[in-house]
């Protein structure tokens, strides 16, 4: 067992106590189920902006993306990050239509555009699968980091972190989540910028870092890693991550939680600017991390361990504390959001469908119980995770985009689109997208293209052949 670092461990404990205190405070501000789920639909622009930023940045963004740069270079900007930023920009132009529906969840929107309430539990099951995968990779990232820097064994730390974030999410719902996001978002962005500044100064400037990075492998500074990523593969990845922005339950809930359409648009615009700066800094920090570890002969067992190794083996403790705050802020802010979303999905989209007369109090109890159950299940799975952080991230991107992007947003804008065609398209896209992702694609075609292409063809064909007396999409939305 590694030696316990009391300094880092103490910092981590203090951080957990602070977020738990915010959770307890949030509990006192939560009076009904709508407070718990959606901040009473009264979230202001600044809180909404920083909550969006903090929710957006995760273990994938900090540990996973820096690990991806360590293993493959700057090409990450060409596909994954570009897709995420493109999706955020595009959602800005669709957010007024989404917000004006005045619906709480993504399955609510699907039920609205199809006319079929059964769409809520069907979509809810898909979203629960996505949320569970996201929780696992967040817990893996958090526990890997804290284990590396404190010396506490991984199998213990994963349970400590899991129980803490379950506790404060269950207590205050989105009130707790949003205010911890505000704290964590500002810490995260500031700490990453300060860390990059230290590395640039320590290694001799941006030019020196990039020159040394290129000397390690010239493909590291090439937009396609010198052909390692084909044009079709890059486009497929862009589409996959573009689609996740439109189909994440937590993004829809946050839009619903904003005070009005103006606030919803402002929080996306401001959040997009902050995230663009943040991700640019993060990728450059990944290059600096690679150069620093290589020049000092510091090897890592997996690419996900690159950034934790930088903290423990390279930077001084004062800088390490700043980086720890950034990473823990990123991980916990996204973890609590996804956990909160699983509770809403279970209670609002599944339980209330089968129990339409359920009271607000019973839905609140179910939401809190589901939060606990999914949190514990994800924690147990994270003890022996089924893949690397970036692998899990890619898989759930294919799942969401293949299932929902084309049928749901066509339904929002295409008045008269067949409701049954939308449901059939969702099912076909999810099955083919996930199936080919698990088998490594089909005939060299990326799984995203297969899933999205299948959803599009099935949607159009089903719309043509199904009878015209069924519910139609699009008509519920005012132009």
Foldseek 3Di string as FASTA:
>chain_A
DDAFDPVLVVLVVVVLVVLLVLLQVLLVVDDFLCCQQFVVLADFQLLLQLLVLLQVFALCLFLVLLLCLLVFADLCCLFQVLLQLVLLVVVLVVLQLLQVLLDAWPQVLLCALLVHLVSLLVVLVLLLVLLLLLLLLLLLSLLLLSCLAGVDDSLVSSVVVLVSLLNSCLRRHVSSLSVLSNVLSVLQLVLLVVLLVVLQVVQPHLVSLVVLLCVVPVLNHPNCSVVPADPLNRVLSSLLSSLCCVQNGLLSNSSSSHNHSVSSSSSSVSSSVSVVVSSVSSSSVSSSLSSQCVVVVNDDPGSSCSVSCCLRPPDDVVSSSSNSSNNVSSSSSNSSSSLSSSLCSCLPRPVCVVVVVDDRVVSSVSSSVRSVVSSVVSSVCSSPPPDHSVLSVSLSSLQRSLQPRPLSVCLQAPWQQHSVLSVVLNVQLNCQLNVQSVVVHDPPRHSSCRSNVSSVVSSVVCRVPDDRPGDRGNPSTDD
